[in-house]
Amino acid sequence: MLVDKRVVILSITGGTLFYVVSQYHISLWYLLLVGAVSGIIFGKVFCRWMCPMGLIMELLMSMNPDGKIKQMYQYHKIGCPIAWISGWLNKFSLFKIKLKAESCLNCGACDKKCYIVAMEPTKFSLYKPKTEKPGDSYTCSKCLECVAICPNGSLTYKV
């Protein structure tokens, strides 16, 4: 599955973007445009799938397997206009994380994997009714680990 190769994809796209911007002196406005367009289509995927700074954060998080640094992942995005724009577009993006409630086992594996649910478990849930869906939240970076962990495919990421 593509999610299993996300860090490899991030390494290639993030490294390529860094190289192209630094070597060819590409305006960061073009990068902002790429982030906004990808936000309209996919939501906030830029941070976890394409961003050079996101790659650095992934490497830092992998050095700390007990997860204490995981909360820090959000903080590097505070000054990033791409994160602001694409995060705001999560609610309006064409692709969304969707739940097929009739096939959901209510096992909670998706919530255990989601870093947003971990930060605010009473507010967010991917499967519990009357809670906000993390995929629509500004902070969701569409890592799609929730979709990958679902044992029977009740969560999907599609139009």
Protein backbone atom coordinates (compact mmCIF):
# COMPACT_ATOMS: atom_id res chain seq x y z
CA MET A 1 0.00 0.00 0.00
CA LEU A 2 1.08 3.56 -0.67
CA VAL A 3 0.88 4.53 3.02
CA ASP A 4 3.61 2.02 3.87
CA LYS A 5 5.92 3.87 1.47
CA ARG A 6 4.96 7.38 2.63
CA VAL A 7 8.35 8.16 4.16
CA VAL A 8 10.09 7.04 0.96
CA ILE A 9 7.73 9.22 -1.10
CA LEU A 10 8.31 12.12 1.31
CA SER A 11 12.08 11.64 1.03
CA ILE A 12 11.96 11.75 -2.76
CA THR A 13 9.50 14.64 -3.11
CA GLY A 14 10.88 16.65 -0.16
CA GLY A 15 14.47 16.18 -1.27
CA THR A 16 13.61 17.05 -4.86
CA LEU A 17 11.69 20.18 -3.83
CA PHE A 18 14.56 21.33 -1.63
CA TYR A 19 17.05 20.76 -4.43
CA VAL A 20 14.95 22.48 -7.11
CA VAL A 21 14.11 25.50 -4.94
CA SER A 22 17.68 25.98 -3.73
CA GLN A 23 19.55 25.24 -6.96
CA TYR A 24 17.24 26.93 -9.44
CA HIS A 25 16.15 29.75 -7.14
CA ILE A 26 12.47 28.96 -7.60
CA SER A 27 10.25 31.48 -5.84
CA LEU A 28 8.60 30.18 -2.72
CA TRP A 29 5.37 31.64 -4.11
CA TYR A 30 5.31 28.73 -6.58
CA LEU A 31 5.70 26.30 -3.71
CA LEU A 32 2.80 28.02 -1.95
CA LEU A 33 0.75 27.63 -5.13
CA VAL A 34 1.57 23.91 -5.28
CA GLY A 35 0.54 23.56 -1.62
CA ALA A 36 -2.73 25.41 -2.21
CA VAL A 37 -3.65 23.40 -5.32
CA SER A 38 -2.81 20.11 -3.61
CA GLY A 39 -4.86 21.33 -0.62
CA ILE A 40 -7.92 21.92 -2.79
CA ILE A 41 -7.67 18.45 -4.26
CA PHE A 42 -6.25 16.28 -1.46
CA GLY A 43 -6.36 18.36 1.72
CA LYS A 44 -3.28 18.91 3.83
CA VAL A 45 -1.09 16.30 2.16
CA PHE A 46 1.85 18.60 1.48
CA CYS A 47 3.20 18.42 5.05
CA ARG A 48 3.40 14.63 5.30
CA TRP A 49 3.99 13.68 1.67
CA MET A 50 6.05 16.47 0.01
CA CYS A 51 7.52 19.02 2.44
CA PRO A 52 11.30 19.16 3.02
CA MET A 53 10.72 20.35 6.61
CA GLY A 54 8.21 17.52 7.05
CA LEU A 55 11.00 15.13 6.06
CA ILE A 56 13.25 16.53 8.78
CA MET A 57 10.44 16.12 11.32
CA GLU A 58 9.85 12.52 10.20
CA LEU A 59 13.54 11.77 10.70
CA LEU A 60 13.45 13.33 14.18
CA MET A 61 10.33 11.36 15.09
CA SER A 62 11.90 8.10 13.90
CA MET A 63 14.84 8.68 16.27
CA ASN A 64 12.43 8.64 19.20
CA PRO A 65 10.49 5.37 18.97
CA ASP A 66 8.58 5.84 22.26
CA GLY A 67 6.66 8.71 20.65
CA LYS A 68 7.38 11.53 23.10
CA ILE A 69 8.44 13.81 20.25
CA LYS A 70 5.29 13.00 18.21
CA GLN A 71 3.40 15.95 19.71
CA MET A 72 6.15 18.25 18.40
CA TYR A 73 5.20 17.41 14.81
CA GLN A 74 2.56 20.14 14.81
CA TYR A 75 4.84 22.92 16.05
CA HIS A 76 7.05 23.26 12.97
CA LYS A 77 3.93 24.12 10.95
CA ILE A 78 3.07 27.22 12.99
CA GLY A 79 4.99 29.54 10.68
CA CYS A 80 4.23 27.75 7.43
CA PRO A 81 1.71 29.39 5.10
CA ILE A 82 1.32 26.16 3.13
CA ALA A 83 0.22 24.38 6.32
CA TRP A 84 -2.23 27.20 7.07
CA ILE A 85 -3.81 27.17 3.62
CA SER A 86 -3.93 23.42 3.08
CA GLY A 87 -5.08 22.84 6.67
CA TRP A 88 -7.94 25.24 6.19
CA LEU A 89 -8.79 23.44 2.92
CA ASN A 90 -9.14 20.05 4.68
CA LYS A 91 -12.86 20.72 5.16
CA PHE A 92 -13.36 21.59 1.50
CA SER A 93 -10.93 19.27 -0.30
CA LEU A 94 -12.20 16.86 -2.95
CA PHE A 95 -10.56 13.79 -1.36
CA LYS A 96 -11.71 12.94 2.16
CA ILE A 97 -11.29 10.19 4.73
CA LYS A 98 -14.67 8.46 4.73
CA LEU A 99 -16.18 5.86 7.03
CA LYS A 100 -18.52 3.11 5.86
CA ALA A 101 -20.41 2.86 9.17
CA GLU A 102 -22.26 -0.32 8.17
CA SER A 103 -19.03 -2.30 7.89
CA CYS A 104 -17.16 -0.63 10.81
CA LEU A 105 -16.29 -3.03 13.63
CA ASN A 106 -15.92 -0.19 16.18
CA CYS A 107 -12.56 -1.71 17.12
CA GLY A 108 -10.94 1.71 17.56
CA ALA A 109 -7.71 0.78 15.73
CA CYS A 110 -8.02 3.91 13.58
CA ASP A 111 -8.35 6.21 16.60
CA LYS A 112 -5.34 4.58 18.28
CA LYS A 113 -3.22 5.25 15.18
CA CYS A 114 -4.37 8.87 14.66
CA TYR A 115 -2.14 11.50 16.26
CA ILE A 116 -5.00 14.04 16.27
CA VAL A 117 -7.30 11.75 18.23
CA ALA A 118 -4.40 11.14 20.64
CA MET A 119 -4.14 14.89 21.28
CA GLU A 120 -7.89 15.38 21.90
CA PRO A 121 -9.66 12.02 22.33
CA THR A 122 -12.91 13.50 23.64
CA LYS A 123 -13.26 15.86 20.68
CA PHE A 124 -12.17 13.69 17.74
CA SER A 125 -12.88 10.18 16.53
CA LEU A 126 -12.86 8.52 13.16
CA TYR A 127 -15.71 6.15 13.99
CA LYS A 128 -17.64 7.41 17.05
CA PRO A 129 -20.82 9.33 16.30
CA LYS A 130 -21.25 12.94 17.50
CA THR A 131 -17.52 13.67 17.41
CA GLU A 132 -15.51 15.77 15.01
CA LYS A 133 -13.75 13.87 12.26
CA PRO A 134 -9.97 14.36 12.41
CA GLY A 135 -9.65 14.32 8.61
CA ASP A 136 -11.62 17.56 8.42
CA SER A 137 -9.52 19.20 11.12
CA TYR A 138 -6.96 21.86 10.33
CA THR A 139 -4.25 19.74 11.95
CA CYS A 140 -4.76 16.51 9.96
CA SER A 141 -1.86 16.03 7.56
CA LYS A 142 -3.41 13.06 5.76
CA CYS A 143 -0.74 10.54 6.74
CA LEU A 144 -3.54 7.99 6.11
CA GLU A 145 -2.27 5.59 8.77
CA CYS A 146 -5.86 5.37 10.02
CA VAL A 147 -6.99 4.10 6.60
CA ALA A 148 -4.11 1.61 6.40
CA ILE A 149 -4.74 0.15 9.87
CA CYS A 150 -8.49 -0.45 9.41
CA PRO A 151 -8.86 -4.25 9.51
CA ASN A 152 -11.80 -4.50 7.12
CA GLY A 153 -11.46 -1.42 4.91
CA SER A 154 -14.23 0.65 6.48
CA LEU A 155 -12.09 3.77 6.14
CA THR A 156 -11.26 5.03 2.68
CA TYR A 157 -9.62 8.11 1.20
CA LYS A 158 -11.49 9.10 -1.93
CA VAL A 159 -13.73 11.67 -3.60
